[in-house]
């Protein structure tokens, strides 16, 4: 990953915890074959109804090509 790709992913964690959900811009991920694939990540926070201090982040990665 290049620096701008890393910034895209790291920014997601701060944004999702602040706003409750977030979507990244497209970023590159190195594939096993040696090339790059374009990825977009969507994340949301799930709050625990029984324990208000617990939160879970669910993230889905979409491979775009």
PDB file of N, CA and C in Angstrom:
ATOM      1  N   UNK A   1       0.839  -1.185   0.000  1.00  0.00           N
ATOM      2  CA  UNK A   1       0.000   0.000   0.000  1.00  0.00           C
ATOM      3  C   UNK A   1       0.876   1.238   0.000  1.00  0.00           C
ATOM      4  N   UNK A   2       0.453   2.204  -0.717  1.00  0.00           N
ATOM      5  CA  UNK A   2       1.143   3.484  -0.704  1.00  0.00           C
ATOM      6  C   UNK A   2       0.605   4.316   0.459  1.00  0.00           C
ATOM      7  N   UNK A   3       1.274   5.382   0.776  1.00  0.00           N
ATOM      8  CA  UNK A   3       0.899   6.208   1.917  1.00  0.00           C
ATOM      9  C   UNK A   3      -0.534   6.695   1.802  1.00  0.00           C
ATOM     10  N   UNK A   4      -0.951   7.149   0.637  1.00  0.00           N
ATOM     11  CA  UNK A   4      -2.320   7.649   0.498  1.00  0.00           C
ATOM     12  C   UNK A   4      -3.341   6.531   0.707  1.00  0.00           C
ATOM     13  N   UNK A   5      -2.987   5.289   0.326  1.00  0.00           N
ATOM     14  CA  UNK A   5      -3.873   4.156   0.564  1.00  0.00           C
ATOM     15  C   UNK A   5      -4.003   3.879   2.059  1.00  0.00           C
ATOM     16  N   UNK A   6      -2.881   3.951   2.773  1.00  0.00           N
ATOM     17  CA  UNK A   6      -2.903   3.739   4.224  1.00  0.00           C
ATOM     18  C   UNK A   6      -3.712   4.816   4.937  1.00  0.00           C
ATOM     19  N   UNK A   7      -3.549   6.058   4.500  1.00  0.00           N
ATOM     20  CA  UNK A   7      -4.305   7.156   5.107  1.00  0.00           C
ATOM     21  C   UNK A   7      -5.804   6.925   4.954  1.00  0.00           C
ATOM     22  N   UNK A   8      -6.214   6.399   3.825  1.00  0.00           N
ATOM     23  CA  UNK A   8      -7.614   6.116   3.560  1.00  0.00           C
ATOM     24  C   UNK A   8      -8.159   5.102   4.563  1.00  0.00           C
ATOM     25  N   UNK A   9      -7.394   4.042   4.821  1.00  0.00           N
ATOM     26  CA  UNK A   9      -7.832   2.987   5.738  1.00  0.00           C
ATOM     27  C   UNK A   9      -7.775   3.461   7.186  1.00  0.00           C
ATOM     28  N   UNK A  10      -6.713   4.144   7.580  1.00  0.00           N
ATOM     29  CA  UNK A  10      -6.600   4.620   8.955  1.00  0.00           C
ATOM     30  C   UNK A  10      -7.658   5.662   9.279  1.00  0.00           C
ATOM     31  N   UNK A  11      -8.002   6.484   8.316  1.00  0.00           N
ATOM     32  CA  UNK A  11      -9.039   7.484   8.530  1.00  0.00           C
ATOM     33  C   UNK A  11     -10.389   6.863   8.799  1.00  0.00           C
ATOM     34  N   UNK A  12     -10.625   5.672   8.264  1.00  0.00           N
ATOM     35  CA  UNK A  12     -11.907   4.986   8.464  1.00  0.00           C
ATOM     36  C   UNK A  12     -12.147   4.688   9.936  1.00  0.00           C
ATOM     37  N   UNK A  13     -11.130   4.207  10.642  1.00  0.00           N
ATOM     38  CA  UNK A  13     -11.328   3.827  12.046  1.00  0.00           C
ATOM     39  C   UNK A  13     -11.722   5.023  12.901  1.00  0.00           C
ATOM     40  N   UNK A  14     -11.119   6.153  12.674  1.00  0.00           N
ATOM     41  CA  UNK A  14     -11.470   7.345  13.451  1.00  0.00           C
ATOM     42  C   UNK A  14     -12.866   7.833  13.095  1.00  0.00           C
ATOM     43  N   UNK A  15     -13.181   7.819  11.818  1.00  0.00           N
ATOM     44  CA  UNK A  15     -14.475   8.318  11.364  1.00  0.00           C
ATOM     45  C   UNK A  15     -15.626   7.422  11.817  1.00  0.00           C
ATOM     46  N   UNK A  16     -15.444   6.113  11.763  1.00  0.00           N
ATOM     47  CA  UNK A  16     -16.519   5.211  12.148  1.00  0.00           C
ATOM     48  C   UNK A  16     -16.801   5.308  13.650  1.00  0.00           C
ATOM     49  N   UNK A  17     -15.774   5.488  14.456  1.00  0.00           N
ATOM     50  CA  UNK A  17     -15.997   5.630  15.892  1.00  0.00           C
ATOM     51  C   UNK A  17     -16.620   6.985  16.232  1.00  0.00           C
ATOM     52  N   UNK A  18     -16.344   7.996  15.438  1.00  0.00           N
ATOM     53  CA  UNK A  18     -16.892   9.332  15.686  1.00  0.00           C
ATOM     54  C   UNK A  18     -18.343   9.449  15.212  1.00  0.00           C
ATOM     55  N   UNK A  19     -18.638   8.912  14.007  1.00  0.00           N
ATOM     56  CA  UNK A  19     -19.949   9.114  13.397  1.00  0.00           C
ATOM     57  C   UNK A  19     -20.846   7.886  13.419  1.00  0.00           C
ATOM     58  N   UNK A  20     -20.291   6.706  13.706  1.00  0.00           N
ATOM     59  CA  UNK A  20     -21.105   5.499  13.754  1.00  0.00           C
ATOM     60  C   UNK A  20     -21.074   4.680  12.478  1.00  0.00           C
ATOM     61  N   UNK A  21     -20.719   5.289  11.372  1.00  0.00           N
ATOM     62  CA  UNK A  21     -20.548   4.552  10.125  1.00  0.00           C
ATOM     63  C   UNK A  21     -19.681   5.365   9.185  1.00  0.00           C
ATOM     64  N   UNK A  22     -19.039   4.661   8.239  1.00  0.00           N
ATOM     65  CA  UNK A  22     -18.144   5.351   7.311  1.00  0.00           C
ATOM     66  C   UNK A  22     -17.884   4.473   6.096  1.00  0.00           C
ATOM     67  N   UNK A  23     -17.498   5.118   5.003  1.00  0.00           N
ATOM     68  CA  UNK A  23     -17.116   4.447   3.764  1.00  0.00           C
ATOM     69  C   UNK A  23     -15.805   5.070   3.297  1.00  0.00           C
ATOM     70  N   UNK A  24     -14.850   4.220   2.909  1.00  0.00           N
ATOM     71  CA  UNK A  24     -13.573   4.741   2.420  1.00  0.00           C
ATOM     72  C   UNK A  24     -13.687   5.131   0.957  1.00  0.00           C
ATOM     73  N   UNK A  25     -12.724   5.924   0.528  1.00  0.00           N
ATOM     74  CA  UNK A  25     -12.512   6.092  -0.901  1.00  0.00           C
ATOM     75  C   UNK A  25     -11.927   4.780  -1.403  1.00  0.00           C
ATOM     76  N   UNK A  26     -11.762   4.660  -2.707  1.00  0.00           N
ATOM     77  CA  UNK A  26     -11.137   3.470  -3.271  1.00  0.00           C
ATOM     78  C   UNK A  26      -9.650   3.479  -2.921  1.00  0.00           C
ATOM     79  N   UNK A  27      -9.127   2.303  -2.565  1.00  0.00           N
ATOM     80  CA  UNK A  27      -7.697   2.186  -2.293  1.00  0.00           C
ATOM     81  C   UNK A  27      -7.189   0.865  -2.855  1.00  0.00           C
ATOM     82  N   UNK A  28      -5.879   0.768  -3.003  1.00  0.00           N
ATOM     83  CA  UNK A  28      -5.267  -0.417  -3.583  1.00  0.00           C
ATOM     84  C   UNK A  28      -4.791  -1.377  -2.501  1.00  0.00           C
ATOM     85  N   UNK A  29      -4.918  -2.671  -2.811  1.00  0.00           N
ATOM     86  CA  UNK A  29      -4.430  -3.721  -1.930  1.00  0.00           C
ATOM     87  C   UNK A  29      -3.645  -4.706  -2.789  1.00  0.00           C
ATOM     88  N   UNK A  30      -2.495  -5.114  -2.312  1.00  0.00           N
ATOM     89  CA  UNK A  30      -1.649  -6.033  -3.056  1.00  0.00           C
ATOM     90  C   UNK A  30      -2.279  -7.420  -3.047  1.00  0.00           C
ATOM     91  N   UNK A  31      -2.468  -8.005  -4.227  1.00  0.00           N
ATOM     92  CA  UNK A  31      -3.064  -9.339  -4.321  1.00  0.00           C
ATOM     93  C   UNK A  31      -1.978 -10.407  -4.235  1.00  0.00           C
ATOM     94  N   UNK A  32      -2.395 -11.632  -4.040  1.00  0.00           N
ATOM     95  CA  UNK A  32      -1.450 -12.742  -3.937  1.00  0.00           C
ATOM     96  C   UNK A  32      -0.696 -12.994  -5.234  1.00  0.00           C
ATOM     97  N   UNK A  33      -1.286 -12.590  -6.360  1.00  0.00           N
ATOM     98  CA  UNK A  33      -0.647 -12.797  -7.657  1.00  0.00           C
ATOM     99  C   UNK A  33       0.403 -11.731  -7.962  1.00  0.00           C
ATOM    100  N   UNK A  34       0.537 -10.743  -7.104  1.00  0.00           N
ATOM    101  CA  UNK A  34       1.552  -9.719  -7.288  1.00  0.00           C
ATOM    102  C   UNK A  34       1.028  -8.406  -7.825  1.00  0.00           C
ATOM    103  N   UNK A  35      -0.197  -8.366  -8.292  1.00  0.00           N
ATOM    104  CA  UNK A  35      -0.770  -7.112  -8.776  1.00  0.00           C
ATOM    105  C   UNK A  35      -1.581  -6.436  -7.688  1.00  0.00           C
ATOM    106  N   UNK A  36      -2.290  -5.400  -8.062  1.00  0.00           N
ATOM    107  CA  UNK A  36      -3.132  -4.683  -7.119  1.00  0.00           C
ATOM    108  C   UNK A  36      -4.602  -4.892  -7.468  1.00  0.00           C
ATOM    109  N   UNK A  37      -5.441  -4.882  -6.453  1.00  0.00           N
ATOM    110  CA  UNK A  37      -6.888  -4.834  -6.645  1.00  0.00           C
ATOM    111  C   UNK A  37      -7.398  -3.577  -5.958  1.00  0.00           C
ATOM    112  N   UNK A  38      -8.461  -3.020  -6.472  1.00  0.00           N
ATOM    113  CA  UNK A  38      -9.076  -1.838  -5.877  1.00  0.00           C
ATOM    114  C   UNK A  38     -10.145  -2.279  -4.899  1.00  0.00           C
ATOM    115  N   UNK A  39     -10.109  -1.693  -3.721  1.00  0.00           N
ATOM    116  CA  UNK A  39     -10.991  -2.069  -2.611  1.00  0.00           C
ATOM    117  C   UNK A  39     -11.734  -0.824  -2.121  1.00  0.00           C
ATOM    118  N   UNK A  40     -12.960  -1.040  -1.638  1.00  0.00           N
ATOM    119  CA  UNK A  40     -13.681  -0.008  -0.891  1.00  0.00           C
ATOM    120  C   UNK A  40     -14.225  -0.675   0.360  1.00  0.00           C
ATOM    121  N   UNK A  41     -14.098  -0.018   1.498  1.00  0.00           N
ATOM    122  CA  UNK A  41     -14.532  -0.582   2.770  1.00  0.00           C
ATOM    123  C   UNK A  41     -15.673   0.245   3.345  1.00  0.00           C
ATOM    124  N   UNK A  42     -16.707  -0.456   3.802  1.00  0.00           N
ATOM    125  CA  UNK A  42     -17.839   0.167   4.496  1.00  0.00           C
ATOM    126  C   UNK A  42     -17.849  -0.393   5.913  1.00  0.00           C
ATOM    127  N   UNK A  43     -17.988   0.480   6.900  1.00  0.00           N
ATOM    128  CA  UNK A  43     -17.964   0.036   8.300  1.00  0.00           C
ATOM    129  C   UNK A  43     -19.064   0.717   9.084  1.00  0.00           C
ATOM    130  N   UNK A  44     -19.559   0.005  10.094  1.00  0.00           N
ATOM    131  CA  UNK A  44     -20.576   0.559  10.980  1.00  0.00           C
ATOM    132  C   UNK A  44     -20.340   0.056  12.401  1.00  0.00           C
ATOM    133  N   UNK A  45     -20.809   0.803  13.374  1.00  0.00           N
ATOM    134  CA  UNK A  45     -20.665   0.437  14.780  1.00  0.00           C
ATOM    135  C   UNK A  45     -21.975  -0.178  15.263  1.00  0.00           C
ATOM    136  N   UNK A  46     -21.866  -1.313  15.936  1.00  0.00           N
ATOM    137  CA  UNK A  46     -23.016  -1.973  16.554  1.00  0.00           C
ATOM    138  C   UNK A  46     -22.872  -1.791  18.059  1.00  0.00           C
ATOM    139  N   UNK A  47     -23.886  -1.252  18.705  1.00  0.00           N
ATOM    140  CA  UNK A  47     -23.856  -1.034  20.148  1.00  0.00           C
ATOM    141  C   UNK A  47     -24.503  -2.219  20.863  1.00  0.00           C
ATOM    142  N   UNK A  48     -23.903  -2.645  21.958  1.00  0.00           N
ATOM    143  CA  UNK A  48     -24.419  -3.735  22.767  1.00  0.00           C
ATOM    144  C   UNK A  48     -25.554  -3.196  23.636  1.00  0.00           C
ATOM    145  N   UNK A  49     -26.727  -3.794  23.509  1.00  0.00           N
ATOM    146  CA  UNK A  49     -27.889  -3.334  24.279  1.00  0.00           C
ATOM    147  C   UNK A  49     -27.743  -3.619  25.777  1.00  0.00           C
ATOM    148  N   UNK A  50     -27.058  -4.702  26.133  1.00  0.00           N
ATOM    149  CA  UNK A  50     -26.931  -5.086  27.541  1.00  0.00           C
ATOM    150  C   UNK A  50     -25.805  -4.351  28.254  1.00  0.00           C
ATOM    151  N   UNK A  51     -24.744  -4.035  27.513  1.00  0.00           N
ATOM    152  CA  UNK A  51     -23.601  -3.359  28.103  1.00  0.00           C
ATOM    153  C   UNK A  51     -23.257  -2.156  27.220  1.00  0.00           C
ATOM    154  N   UNK A  52     -23.596  -0.981  27.679  1.00  0.00           N
ATOM    155  CA  UNK A  52     -23.428   0.240  26.872  1.00  0.00           C
ATOM    156  C   UNK A  52     -21.960   0.555  26.566  1.00  0.00           C
ATOM    157  N   UNK A  53     -21.027  -0.017  27.342  1.00  0.00           N
ATOM    158  CA  UNK A  53     -19.603   0.252  27.112  1.00  0.00           C
ATOM    159  C   UNK A  53     -19.027  -0.562  25.960  1.00  0.00           C
ATOM    160  N   UNK A  54     -19.734  -1.608  25.529  1.00  0.00           N
ATOM    161  CA  UNK A  54     -19.217  -2.469  24.468  1.00  0.00           C
ATOM    162  C   UNK A  54     -19.727  -2.022  23.109  1.00  0.00           C
ATOM    163  N   UNK A  55     -18.823  -1.962  22.152  1.00  0.00           N
ATOM    164  CA  UNK A  55     -19.160  -1.647  20.774  1.00  0.00           C
ATOM    165  C   UNK A  55     -18.442  -2.634  19.867  1.00  0.00           C
ATOM    166  N   UNK A  56     -19.071  -2.946  18.760  1.00  0.00           N
ATOM    167  CA  UNK A  56     -18.470  -3.817  17.762  1.00  0.00           C
ATOM    168  C   UNK A  56     -18.464  -3.080  16.433  1.00  0.00           C
ATOM    169  N   UNK A  57     -17.354  -3.144  15.721  1.00  0.00           N
ATOM    170  CA  UNK A  57     -17.272  -2.541  14.397  1.00  0.00           C
ATOM    171  C   UNK A  57     -17.357  -3.663  13.368  1.00  0.00           C
ATOM    172  N   UNK A  58     -18.334  -3.552  12.475  1.00  0.00           N
ATOM    173  CA  UNK A  58     -18.503  -4.495  11.380  1.00  0.00           C
ATOM    174  C   UNK A  58     -18.030  -3.801  10.111  1.00  0.00           C
ATOM    175  N   UNK A  59     -17.082  -4.416   9.407  1.00  0.00           N
ATOM    176  CA  UNK A  59     -16.552  -3.830   8.179  1.00  0.00           C
ATOM    177  C   UNK A  59     -16.688  -4.830   7.037  1.00  0.00           C
ATOM    178  N   UNK A  60     -17.094  -4.320   5.891  1.00  0.00           N
ATOM    179  CA  UNK A  60     -17.212  -5.127   4.680  1.00  0.00           C
ATOM    180  C   UNK A  60     -16.312  -4.524   3.613  1.00  0.00           C
ATOM    181  N   UNK A  61     -15.485  -5.366   3.012  1.00  0.00           N
ATOM    182  CA  UNK A  61     -14.601  -4.926   1.939  1.00  0.00           C
ATOM    183  C   UNK A  61     -15.185  -5.360   0.605  1.00  0.00           C
ATOM    184  N   UNK A  62     -15.291  -4.422  -0.308  1.00  0.00           N
ATOM    185  CA  UNK A  62     -15.770  -4.697  -1.649  1.00  0.00           C
ATOM    186  C   UNK A  62     -14.598  -4.632  -2.614  1.00  0.00           C
ATOM    187  N   UNK A  63     -14.385  -5.733  -3.350  1.00  0.00           N
ATOM    188  CA  UNK A  63     -13.329  -5.779  -4.362  1.00  0.00           C
ATOM    189  C   UNK A  63     -13.927  -5.225  -5.662  1.00  0.00           C
ATOM    190  N   UNK A  64     -13.339  -4.138  -6.141  1.00  0.00           N
ATOM    191  CA  UNK A  64     -13.882  -3.451  -7.299  1.00  0.00           C
ATOM    192  C   UNK A  64     -13.171  -3.817  -8.591  1.00  0.00           C
ATOM    193  N   UNK A  65     -11.998  -4.345  -8.498  1.00  0.00           N
ATOM    194  CA  UNK A  65     -11.321  -4.769  -9.725  1.00  0.00           C
ATOM    195  C   UNK A  65      -9.828  -4.724  -9.611  1.00  0.00           C
TER     196      UNK A  65
END
